[in-house]
């Protein structure tokens, strides 16, 4: 299904949902019944965000440790233990 916009001279813009490619060039206004021409608007190319937990719908992410993060955070990469496969991939000093 696709949403199509129409502009009524008296009542303004309204939207109709129809199968893709089936929208007529004019449709009756749901309020007054007058024929309203179809108008073209930019398509929605990305799903709207449903996260509303922070300002402007954004969730604050804490800074990484060592850059103003909480004490006792993750140690720097140079202090992390290397596994066998990782040792083989790392350059030798």
PDB file of N, CA and C in Angstrom:
ATOM      1  N   UNK A   1       0.846  -1.182   0.000  1.00  0.00           N
ATOM      2  CA  UNK A   1       0.000   0.000   0.000  1.00  0.00           C
ATOM      3  C   UNK A   1       0.887   1.240   0.000  1.00  0.00           C
ATOM      4  N   UNK A   2       0.403   2.269  -0.651  1.00  0.00           N
ATOM      5  CA  UNK A   2       1.137   3.526  -0.733  1.00  0.00           C
ATOM      6  C   UNK A   2       0.211   4.659  -0.310  1.00  0.00           C
ATOM      7  N   UNK A   3       0.799   5.725   0.222  1.00  0.00           N
ATOM      8  CA  UNK A   3       0.032   6.903   0.634  1.00  0.00           C
ATOM      9  C   UNK A   3       0.150   7.969  -0.451  1.00  0.00           C
ATOM     10  N   UNK A   4      -0.978   8.540  -0.838  1.00  0.00           N
ATOM     11  CA  UNK A   4      -1.018   9.577  -1.863  1.00  0.00           C
ATOM     12  C   UNK A   4      -1.639  10.832  -1.260  1.00  0.00           C
ATOM     13  N   UNK A   5      -1.075  11.990  -1.590  1.00  0.00           N
ATOM     14  CA  UNK A   5      -1.556  13.271  -1.059  1.00  0.00           C
ATOM     15  C   UNK A   5      -2.406  13.990  -2.096  1.00  0.00           C
ATOM     16  N   UNK A   6      -3.462  14.625  -1.597  1.00  0.00           N
ATOM     17  CA  UNK A   6      -4.369  15.424  -2.418  1.00  0.00           C
ATOM     18  C   UNK A   6      -4.589  16.752  -1.714  1.00  0.00           C
ATOM     19  N   UNK A   7      -4.819  17.828  -2.504  1.00  0.00           N
ATOM     20  CA  UNK A   7      -5.044  19.153  -1.916  1.00  0.00           C
ATOM     21  C   UNK A   7      -6.426  19.676  -2.302  1.00  0.00           C
ATOM     22  N   UNK A   8      -7.253  19.846  -1.284  1.00  0.00           N
ATOM     23  CA  UNK A   8      -8.573  20.433  -1.462  1.00  0.00           C
ATOM     24  C   UNK A   8      -8.435  21.946  -1.293  1.00  0.00           C
ATOM     25  N   UNK A   9      -9.044  22.709  -2.203  1.00  0.00           N
ATOM     26  CA  UNK A   9      -8.963  24.174  -2.126  1.00  0.00           C
ATOM     27  C   UNK A   9      -9.566  24.703  -0.827  1.00  0.00           C
ATOM     28  N   UNK A  10     -10.584  24.035  -0.330  1.00  0.00           N
ATOM     29  CA  UNK A  10     -11.278  24.508   0.864  1.00  0.00           C
ATOM     30  C   UNK A  10     -10.712  23.939   2.160  1.00  0.00           C
ATOM     31  N   UNK A  11     -10.398  22.631   2.194  1.00  0.00           N
ATOM     32  CA  UNK A  11     -10.022  21.967   3.442  1.00  0.00           C
ATOM     33  C   UNK A  11      -8.539  21.651   3.586  1.00  0.00           C
ATOM     34  N   UNK A  12      -7.732  21.863   2.554  1.00  0.00           N
ATOM     35  CA  UNK A  12      -6.300  21.614   2.649  1.00  0.00           C
ATOM     36  C   UNK A  12      -5.910  20.219   2.184  1.00  0.00           C
ATOM     37  N   UNK A  13      -4.758  19.762   2.660  1.00  0.00           N
ATOM     38  CA  UNK A  13      -4.177  18.497   2.203  1.00  0.00           C
ATOM     39  C   UNK A  13      -4.756  17.319   2.979  1.00  0.00           C
ATOM     40  N   UNK A  14      -5.048  16.243   2.258  1.00  0.00           N
ATOM     41  CA  UNK A  14      -5.456  14.986   2.894  1.00  0.00           C
ATOM     42  C   UNK A  14      -4.729  13.843   2.205  1.00  0.00           C
ATOM     43  N   UNK A  15      -4.717  12.702   2.830  1.00  0.00           N
ATOM     44  CA  UNK A  15      -3.964  11.549   2.337  1.00  0.00           C
ATOM     45  C   UNK A  15      -4.888  10.358   2.139  1.00  0.00           C
ATOM     46  N   UNK A  16      -4.675   9.629   1.040  1.00  0.00           N
ATOM     47  CA  UNK A  16      -5.406   8.396   0.782  1.00  0.00           C
ATOM     48  C   UNK A  16      -4.398   7.254   0.645  1.00  0.00           C
ATOM     49  N   UNK A  17      -4.722   6.101   1.181  1.00  0.00           N
ATOM     50  CA  UNK A  17      -3.867   4.924   1.076  1.00  0.00           C
ATOM     51  C   UNK A  17      -4.505   3.952   0.097  1.00  0.00           C
ATOM     52  N   UNK A  18      -3.739   3.618  -0.955  1.00  0.00           N
ATOM     53  CA  UNK A  18      -4.231   2.735  -2.013  1.00  0.00           C
ATOM     54  C   UNK A  18      -3.096   1.827  -2.460  1.00  0.00           C
ATOM     55  N   UNK A  19      -3.400   0.760  -3.202  1.00  0.00           N
ATOM     56  CA  UNK A  19      -2.334  -0.074  -3.752  1.00  0.00           C
ATOM     57  C   UNK A  19      -1.416   0.761  -4.661  1.00  0.00           C
ATOM     58  N   UNK A  20      -0.160   0.409  -4.676  1.00  0.00           N
ATOM     59  CA  UNK A  20       0.844   1.129  -5.438  1.00  0.00           C
ATOM     60  C   UNK A  20       0.452   1.231  -6.906  1.00  0.00           C
ATOM     61  N   UNK A  21       0.501   2.459  -7.435  1.00  0.00           N
ATOM     62  CA  UNK A  21       0.209   2.692  -8.842  1.00  0.00           C
ATOM     63  C   UNK A  21      -1.256   2.816  -9.199  1.00  0.00           C
ATOM     64  N   UNK A  22      -2.162   2.849  -8.233  1.00  0.00           N
ATOM     65  CA  UNK A  22      -3.594   2.908  -8.544  1.00  0.00           C
ATOM     66  C   UNK A  22      -4.231   4.253  -8.191  1.00  0.00           C
ATOM     67  N   UNK A  23      -3.431   5.243  -7.798  1.00  0.00           N
ATOM     68  CA  UNK A  23      -3.985   6.530  -7.362  1.00  0.00           C
ATOM     69  C   UNK A  23      -4.513   7.331  -8.551  1.00  0.00           C
ATOM     70  N   UNK A  24      -5.748   7.819  -8.465  1.00  0.00           N
ATOM     71  CA  UNK A  24      -6.278   8.665  -9.534  1.00  0.00           C
ATOM     72  C   UNK A  24      -5.662  10.062  -9.460  1.00  0.00           C
ATOM     73  N   UNK A  25      -5.761  10.813 -10.551  1.00  0.00           N
ATOM     74  CA  UNK A  25      -5.188  12.157 -10.575  1.00  0.00           C
ATOM     75  C   UNK A  25      -5.998  13.138  -9.722  1.00  0.00           C
ATOM     76  N   UNK A  26      -7.244  12.799  -9.391  1.00  0.00           N
ATOM     77  CA  UNK A  26      -8.070  13.619  -8.502  1.00  0.00           C
ATOM     78  C   UNK A  26      -8.955  12.680  -7.687  1.00  0.00           C
ATOM     79  N   UNK A  27      -9.293  13.121  -6.477  1.00  0.00           N
ATOM     80  CA  UNK A  27     -10.132  12.312  -5.592  1.00  0.00           C
ATOM     81  C   UNK A  27     -11.058  13.238  -4.818  1.00  0.00           C
ATOM     82  N   UNK A  28     -12.232  12.747  -4.398  1.00  0.00           N
ATOM     83  CA  UNK A  28     -13.148  13.599  -3.627  1.00  0.00           C
ATOM     84  C   UNK A  28     -12.594  13.851  -2.221  1.00  0.00           C
ATOM     85  N   UNK A  29     -12.727  15.083  -1.767  1.00  0.00           N
ATOM     86  CA  UNK A  29     -12.295  15.454  -0.416  1.00  0.00           C
ATOM     87  C   UNK A  29     -13.193  14.739   0.596  1.00  0.00           C
ATOM     88  N   UNK A  30     -12.623  14.133   1.641  1.00  0.00           N
ATOM     89  CA  UNK A  30     -13.452  13.432   2.625  1.00  0.00           C
ATOM     90  C   UNK A  30     -14.325  14.374   3.455  1.00  0.00           C
ATOM     91  N   UNK A  31     -13.995  15.682   3.507  1.00  0.00           N
ATOM     92  CA  UNK A  31     -14.783  16.634   4.306  1.00  0.00           C
ATOM     93  C   UNK A  31     -15.912  17.284   3.512  1.00  0.00           C
ATOM     94  N   UNK A  32     -15.569  17.824   2.312  1.00  0.00           N
ATOM     95  CA  UNK A  32     -16.583  18.564   1.560  1.00  0.00           C
ATOM     96  C   UNK A  32     -17.070  17.846   0.307  1.00  0.00           C
ATOM     97  N   UNK A  33     -16.346  16.840  -0.174  1.00  0.00           N
ATOM     98  CA  UNK A  33     -16.761  16.081  -1.350  1.00  0.00           C
ATOM     99  C   UNK A  33     -16.301  16.668  -2.667  1.00  0.00           C
ATOM    100  N   UNK A  34     -15.650  17.834  -2.661  1.00  0.00           N
ATOM    101  CA  UNK A  34     -15.160  18.451  -3.899  1.00  0.00           C
ATOM    102  C   UNK A  34     -13.980  17.665  -4.450  1.00  0.00           C
ATOM    103  N   UNK A  35     -13.791  17.682  -5.766  1.00  0.00           N
ATOM    104  CA  UNK A  35     -12.653  17.013  -6.393  1.00  0.00           C
ATOM    105  C   UNK A  35     -11.373  17.759  -6.005  1.00  0.00           C
ATOM    106  N   UNK A  36     -10.387  16.997  -5.553  1.00  0.00           N
ATOM    107  CA  UNK A  36      -9.100  17.568  -5.161  1.00  0.00           C
ATOM    108  C   UNK A  36      -8.005  16.935  -6.010  1.00  0.00           C
ATOM    109  N   UNK A  37      -7.120  17.752  -6.628  1.00  0.00           N
ATOM    110  CA  UNK A  37      -6.050  17.182  -7.444  1.00  0.00           C
ATOM    111  C   UNK A  37      -4.966  16.546  -6.585  1.00  0.00           C
ATOM    112  N   UNK A  38      -4.339  15.541  -7.162  1.00  0.00           N
ATOM    113  CA  UNK A  38      -3.234  14.870  -6.473  1.00  0.00           C
ATOM    114  C   UNK A  38      -2.008  15.781  -6.490  1.00  0.00           C
ATOM    115  N   UNK A  39      -1.285  15.819  -5.382  1.00  0.00           N
ATOM    116  CA  UNK A  39      -0.035  16.564  -5.314  1.00  0.00           C
ATOM    117  C   UNK A  39       1.086  15.576  -5.062  1.00  0.00           C
ATOM    118  N   UNK A  40       2.269  15.924  -5.500  1.00  0.00           N
ATOM    119  CA  UNK A  40       3.407  15.039  -5.355  1.00  0.00           C
ATOM    120  C   UNK A  40       4.293  15.528  -4.219  1.00  0.00           C
ATOM    121  N   UNK A  41       4.675  14.595  -3.369  1.00  0.00           N
ATOM    122  CA  UNK A  41       5.559  14.916  -2.245  1.00  0.00           C
ATOM    123  C   UNK A  41       6.709  13.923  -2.248  1.00  0.00           C
ATOM    124  N   UNK A  42       7.749  14.245  -1.510  1.00  0.00           N
ATOM    125  CA  UNK A  42       8.927  13.374  -1.447  1.00  0.00           C
ATOM    126  C   UNK A  42       8.545  12.042  -0.814  1.00  0.00           C
ATOM    127  N   UNK A  43       9.048  10.945  -1.353  1.00  0.00           N
ATOM    128  CA  UNK A  43       8.732   9.635  -0.775  1.00  0.00           C
ATOM    129  C   UNK A  43       9.444   9.424   0.546  1.00  0.00           C
ATOM    130  N   UNK A  44       8.871   8.597   1.376  1.00  0.00           N
ATOM    131  CA  UNK A  44       9.505   8.220   2.636  1.00  0.00           C
ATOM    132  C   UNK A  44      10.521   7.137   2.302  1.00  0.00           C
ATOM    133  N   UNK A  45      11.811   7.436   2.468  1.00  0.00           N
ATOM    134  CA  UNK A  45      12.851   6.493   2.063  1.00  0.00           C
ATOM    135  C   UNK A  45      13.432   5.709   3.227  1.00  0.00           C
ATOM    136  N   UNK A  46      13.141   6.099   4.457  1.00  0.00           N
ATOM    137  CA  UNK A  46      13.653   5.374   5.626  1.00  0.00           C
ATOM    138  C   UNK A  46      12.536   5.288   6.653  1.00  0.00           C
ATOM    139  N   UNK A  47      12.533   4.215   7.380  1.00  0.00           N
ATOM    140  CA  UNK A  47      11.513   4.050   8.415  1.00  0.00           C
ATOM    141  C   UNK A  47      11.702   5.101   9.501  1.00  0.00           C
ATOM    142  N   UNK A  48      10.628   5.707   9.978  1.00  0.00           N
ATOM    143  CA  UNK A  48      10.766   6.679  11.055  1.00  0.00           C
ATOM    144  C   UNK A  48      11.269   6.000  12.326  1.00  0.00           C
ATOM    145  N   UNK A  49      12.039   6.730  13.105  1.00  0.00           N
ATOM    146  CA  UNK A  49      12.580   6.183  14.349  1.00  0.00           C
ATOM    147  C   UNK A  49      11.459   6.025  15.362  1.00  0.00           C
ATOM    148  N   UNK A  50      11.434   4.892  16.050  1.00  0.00           N
ATOM    149  CA  UNK A  50      10.420   4.690  17.075  1.00  0.00           C
ATOM    150  C   UNK A  50      11.007   4.855  18.467  1.00  0.00           C
ATOM    151  N   UNK A  51      12.304   5.178  18.542  1.00  0.00           N
ATOM    152  CA  UNK A  51      12.946   5.391  19.832  1.00  0.00           C
ATOM    153  C   UNK A  51      12.645   6.813  20.296  1.00  0.00           C
ATOM    154  N   UNK A  52      11.933   6.950  21.383  1.00  0.00           N
ATOM    155  CA  UNK A  52      11.551   8.273  21.893  1.00  0.00           C
ATOM    156  C   UNK A  52      12.075   8.490  23.307  1.00  0.00           C
ATOM    157  N   UNK A  53      13.195   7.844  23.633  1.00  0.00           N
ATOM    158  CA  UNK A  53      13.653   7.874  25.019  1.00  0.00           C
ATOM    159  C   UNK A  53      14.475   9.104  25.380  1.00  0.00           C
ATOM    160  N   UNK A  54      14.960   9.862  24.424  1.00  0.00           N
ATOM    161  CA  UNK A  54      15.799  11.018  24.735  1.00  0.00           C
ATOM    162  C   UNK A  54      15.330  12.239  23.971  1.00  0.00           C
ATOM    163  N   UNK A  55      16.091  13.338  24.049  1.00  0.00           N
ATOM    164  CA  UNK A  55      15.694  14.541  23.319  1.00  0.00           C
ATOM    165  C   UNK A  55      15.742  14.289  21.812  1.00  0.00           C
ATOM    166  N   UNK A  56      14.757  14.762  21.098  1.00  0.00           N
ATOM    167  CA  UNK A  56      14.630  14.600  19.657  1.00  0.00           C
ATOM    168  C   UNK A  56      14.591  13.130  19.254  1.00  0.00           C
ATOM    169  N   UNK A  57      14.127  12.243  20.156  1.00  0.00           N
ATOM    170  CA  UNK A  57      14.011  10.833  19.849  1.00  0.00           C
ATOM    171  C   UNK A  57      15.329  10.094  19.854  1.00  0.00           C
ATOM    172  N   UNK A  58      16.354  10.676  20.488  1.00  0.00           N
ATOM    173  CA  UNK A  58      17.670  10.045  20.491  1.00  0.00           C
ATOM    174  C   UNK A  58      18.015   9.557  21.888  1.00  0.00           C
ATOM    175  N   UNK A  59      18.628   8.400  21.971  1.00  0.00           N
ATOM    176  CA  UNK A  59      19.068   7.854  23.241  1.00  0.00           C
ATOM    177  C   UNK A  59      20.504   8.286  23.477  1.00  0.00           C
ATOM    178  N   UNK A  60      20.799   8.923  24.628  1.00  0.00           N
ATOM    179  CA  UNK A  60      22.183   9.322  24.876  1.00  0.00           C
ATOM    180  C   UNK A  60      23.074   8.094  25.039  1.00  0.00           C
ATOM    181  N   UNK A  61      24.243   8.149  24.435  1.00  0.00           N
ATOM    182  CA  UNK A  61      25.210   7.063  24.531  1.00  0.00           C
ATOM    183  C   UNK A  61      26.370   7.544  25.387  1.00  0.00           C
ATOM    184  N   UNK A  62      26.732   6.792  26.440  1.00  0.00           N
ATOM    185  CA  UNK A  62      27.827   7.249  27.290  1.00  0.00           C
ATOM    186  C   UNK A  62      29.153   7.219  26.537  1.00  0.00           C
ATOM    187  N   UNK A  63      30.098   8.108  26.911  1.00  0.00           N
ATOM    188  CA  UNK A  63      31.390   8.112  26.243  1.00  0.00           C
ATOM    189  C   UNK A  63      32.175   6.856  26.585  1.00  0.00           C
ATOM    190  N   UNK A  64      33.110   6.456  25.720  1.00  0.00           N
ATOM    191  CA  UNK A  64      33.910   5.279  26.014  1.00  0.00           C
ATOM    192  C   UNK A  64      34.826   5.516  27.210  1.00  0.00           C
ATOM    193  N   UNK A  65      35.217   4.460  27.908  1.00  0.00           N
ATOM    194  CA  UNK A  65      36.105   4.611  29.054  1.00  0.00           C
ATOM    195  C   UNK A  65      37.403   5.294  28.653  1.00  0.00           C
ATOM    196  N   UNK A  66      37.953   6.059  29.588  1.00  0.00           N
ATOM    197  CA  UNK A  66      39.188   6.776  29.320  1.00  0.00           C
ATOM    198  C   UNK A  66      38.958   8.106  28.649  1.00  0.00           C
ATOM    199  N   UNK A  67      37.732   8.391  28.269  1.00  0.00           N
ATOM    200  CA  UNK A  67      37.394   9.667  27.641  1.00  0.00           C
ATOM    201  C   UNK A  67      36.227  10.300  28.382  1.00  0.00           C
ATOM    202  N   UNK A  68      36.344  10.339  29.664  1.00  0.00           N
ATOM    203  CA  UNK A  68      35.272  10.916  30.465  1.00  0.00           C
ATOM    204  C   UNK A  68      34.262   9.884  30.914  1.00  0.00           C
ATOM    205  N   UNK A  69      34.529   8.595  30.666  1.00  0.00           N
ATOM    206  CA  UNK A  69      33.611   7.538  31.058  1.00  0.00           C
ATOM    207  C   UNK A  69      33.751   7.209  32.535  1.00  0.00           C
ATOM    208  N   UNK A  70      32.968   6.268  33.016  1.00  0.00           N
ATOM    209  CA  UNK A  70      33.018   5.918  34.431  1.00  0.00           C
ATOM    210  C   UNK A  70      34.332   5.223  34.775  1.00  0.00           C
ATOM    211  N   UNK A  71      34.838   5.406  36.009  1.00  0.00           N
ATOM    212  CA  UNK A  71      36.058   4.712  36.405  1.00  0.00           C
ATOM    213  C   UNK A  71      35.807   3.208  36.454  1.00  0.00           C
ATOM    214  N   UNK A  72      36.844   2.433  36.233  1.00  0.00           N
ATOM    215  CA  UNK A  72      36.699   0.984  36.249  1.00  0.00           C
ATOM    216  C   UNK A  72      36.127   0.440  34.964  1.00  0.00           C
ATOM    217  N   UNK A  73      36.153   1.231  33.902  1.00  0.00           N
ATOM    218  CA  UNK A  73      35.631   0.796  32.610  1.00  0.00           C
ATOM    219  C   UNK A  73      36.605  -0.162  31.941  1.00  0.00           C
ATOM    220  N   UNK A  74      36.420  -0.402  30.683  1.00  0.00           N
ATOM    221  CA  UNK A  74      37.254  -1.326  29.919  1.00  0.00           C
ATOM    222  C   UNK A  74      38.677  -0.783  29.812  1.00  0.00           C
ATOM    223  N   UNK A  75      39.682  -1.635  29.982  1.00  0.00           N
ATOM    224  CA  UNK A  75      41.069  -1.173  29.871  1.00  0.00           C
ATOM    225  C   UNK A  75      41.412  -0.852  28.422  1.00  0.00           C
ATOM    226  N   UNK A  76      42.473  -0.060  28.192  1.00  0.00           N
ATOM    227  CA  UNK A  76      42.890   0.239  26.823  1.00  0.00           C
ATOM    228  C   UNK A  76      43.254  -1.041  26.076  1.00  0.00           C
ATOM    229  N   UNK A  77      43.173  -1.006  24.751  1.00  0.00           N
ATOM    230  CA  UNK A  77      43.444  -2.189  23.922  1.00  0.00           C
ATOM    231  C   UNK A  77      44.830  -2.772  24.199  1.00  0.00           C
ATOM    232  N   UNK A  78      45.820  -1.931  24.522  1.00  0.00           N
ATOM    233  CA  UNK A  78      47.170  -2.433  24.750  1.00  0.00           C
ATOM    234  C   UNK A  78      47.241  -3.309  25.999  1.00  0.00           C
ATOM    235  N   UNK A  79      46.262  -3.209  26.889  1.00  0.00           N
ATOM    236  CA  UNK A  79      46.276  -3.987  28.118  1.00  0.00           C
ATOM    237  C   UNK A  79      45.354  -5.203  28.066  1.00  0.00           C
ATOM    238  N   UNK A  80      44.634  -5.397  26.972  1.00  0.00           N
ATOM    239  CA  UNK A  80      43.732  -6.537  26.860  1.00  0.00           C
ATOM    240  C   UNK A  80      44.530  -7.787  26.503  1.00  0.00           C
ATOM    241  N   UNK A  81      44.154  -8.951  27.063  1.00  0.00           N
ATOM    242  CA  UNK A  81      44.861 -10.178  26.708  1.00  0.00           C
ATOM    243  C   UNK A  81      44.537 -10.577  25.265  1.00  0.00           C
ATOM    244  N   UNK A  82      45.535 -11.107  24.566  1.00  0.00           N
ATOM    245  CA  UNK A  82      45.339 -11.537  23.183  1.00  0.00           C
ATOM    246  C   UNK A  82      45.090 -13.037  23.149  1.00  0.00           C
ATOM    247  N   UNK A  83      44.131 -13.455  22.345  1.00  0.00           N
ATOM    248  CA  UNK A  83      43.887 -14.884  22.155  1.00  0.00           C
ATOM    249  C   UNK A  83      44.885 -15.402  21.125  1.00  0.00           C
ATOM    250  N   UNK A  84      45.006 -16.714  20.996  1.00  0.00           N
ATOM    251  CA  UNK A  84      45.938 -17.319  20.045  1.00  0.00           C
ATOM    252  C   UNK A  84      45.778 -16.788  18.630  1.00  0.00           C
ATOM    253  N   UNK A  85      44.563 -16.807  18.054  1.00  0.00           N
ATOM    254  CA  UNK A  85      44.398 -16.303  16.684  1.00  0.00           C
ATOM    255  C   UNK A  85      44.746 -14.819  16.566  1.00  0.00           C
ATOM    256  N   UNK A  86      44.450 -14.037  17.600  1.00  0.00           N
ATOM    257  CA  UNK A  86      44.751 -12.605  17.545  1.00  0.00           C
ATOM    258  C   UNK A  86      46.262 -12.370  17.571  1.00  0.00           C
ATOM    259  N   UNK A  87      47.004 -13.191  18.315  1.00  0.00           N
ATOM    260  CA  UNK A  87      48.447 -13.030  18.383  1.00  0.00           C
ATOM    261  C   UNK A  87      49.074 -13.208  17.002  1.00  0.00           C
ATOM    262  N   UNK A  88      48.538 -14.162  16.215  1.00  0.00           N
ATOM    263  CA  UNK A  88      49.079 -14.416  14.878  1.00  0.00           C
ATOM    264  C   UNK A  88      48.792 -13.281  13.921  1.00  0.00           C
ATOM    265  N   UNK A  89      47.734 -12.506  14.153  1.00  0.00           N
ATOM    266  CA  UNK A  89      47.360 -11.426  13.259  1.00  0.00           C
ATOM    267  C   UNK A  89      48.060 -10.118  13.611  1.00  0.00           C
ATOM    268  N   UNK A  90      48.523  -9.977  14.835  1.00  0.00           N
ATOM    269  CA  UNK A  90      49.114  -8.717  15.279  1.00  0.00           C
ATOM    270  C   UNK A  90      50.551  -8.588  14.783  1.00  0.00           C
ATOM    271  N   UNK A  91      50.967  -7.381  14.399  1.00  0.00           N
ATOM    272  CA  UNK A  91      52.353  -7.198  13.984  1.00  0.00           C
ATOM    273  C   UNK A  91      53.303  -7.380  15.177  1.00  0.00           C
ATOM    274  N   UNK A  92      54.444  -7.888  14.905  1.00  0.00           N
ATOM    275  CA  UNK A  92      55.416  -8.102  15.986  1.00  0.00           C
ATOM    276  C   UNK A  92      56.253  -6.829  16.155  1.00  0.00           C
ATOM    277  N   UNK A  93      56.540  -6.473  17.440  1.00  0.00           N
ATOM    278  CA  UNK A  93      57.331  -5.252  17.668  1.00  0.00           C
ATOM    279  C   UNK A  93      58.789  -5.419  17.285  1.00  0.00           C
TER     280      UNK A  93
END
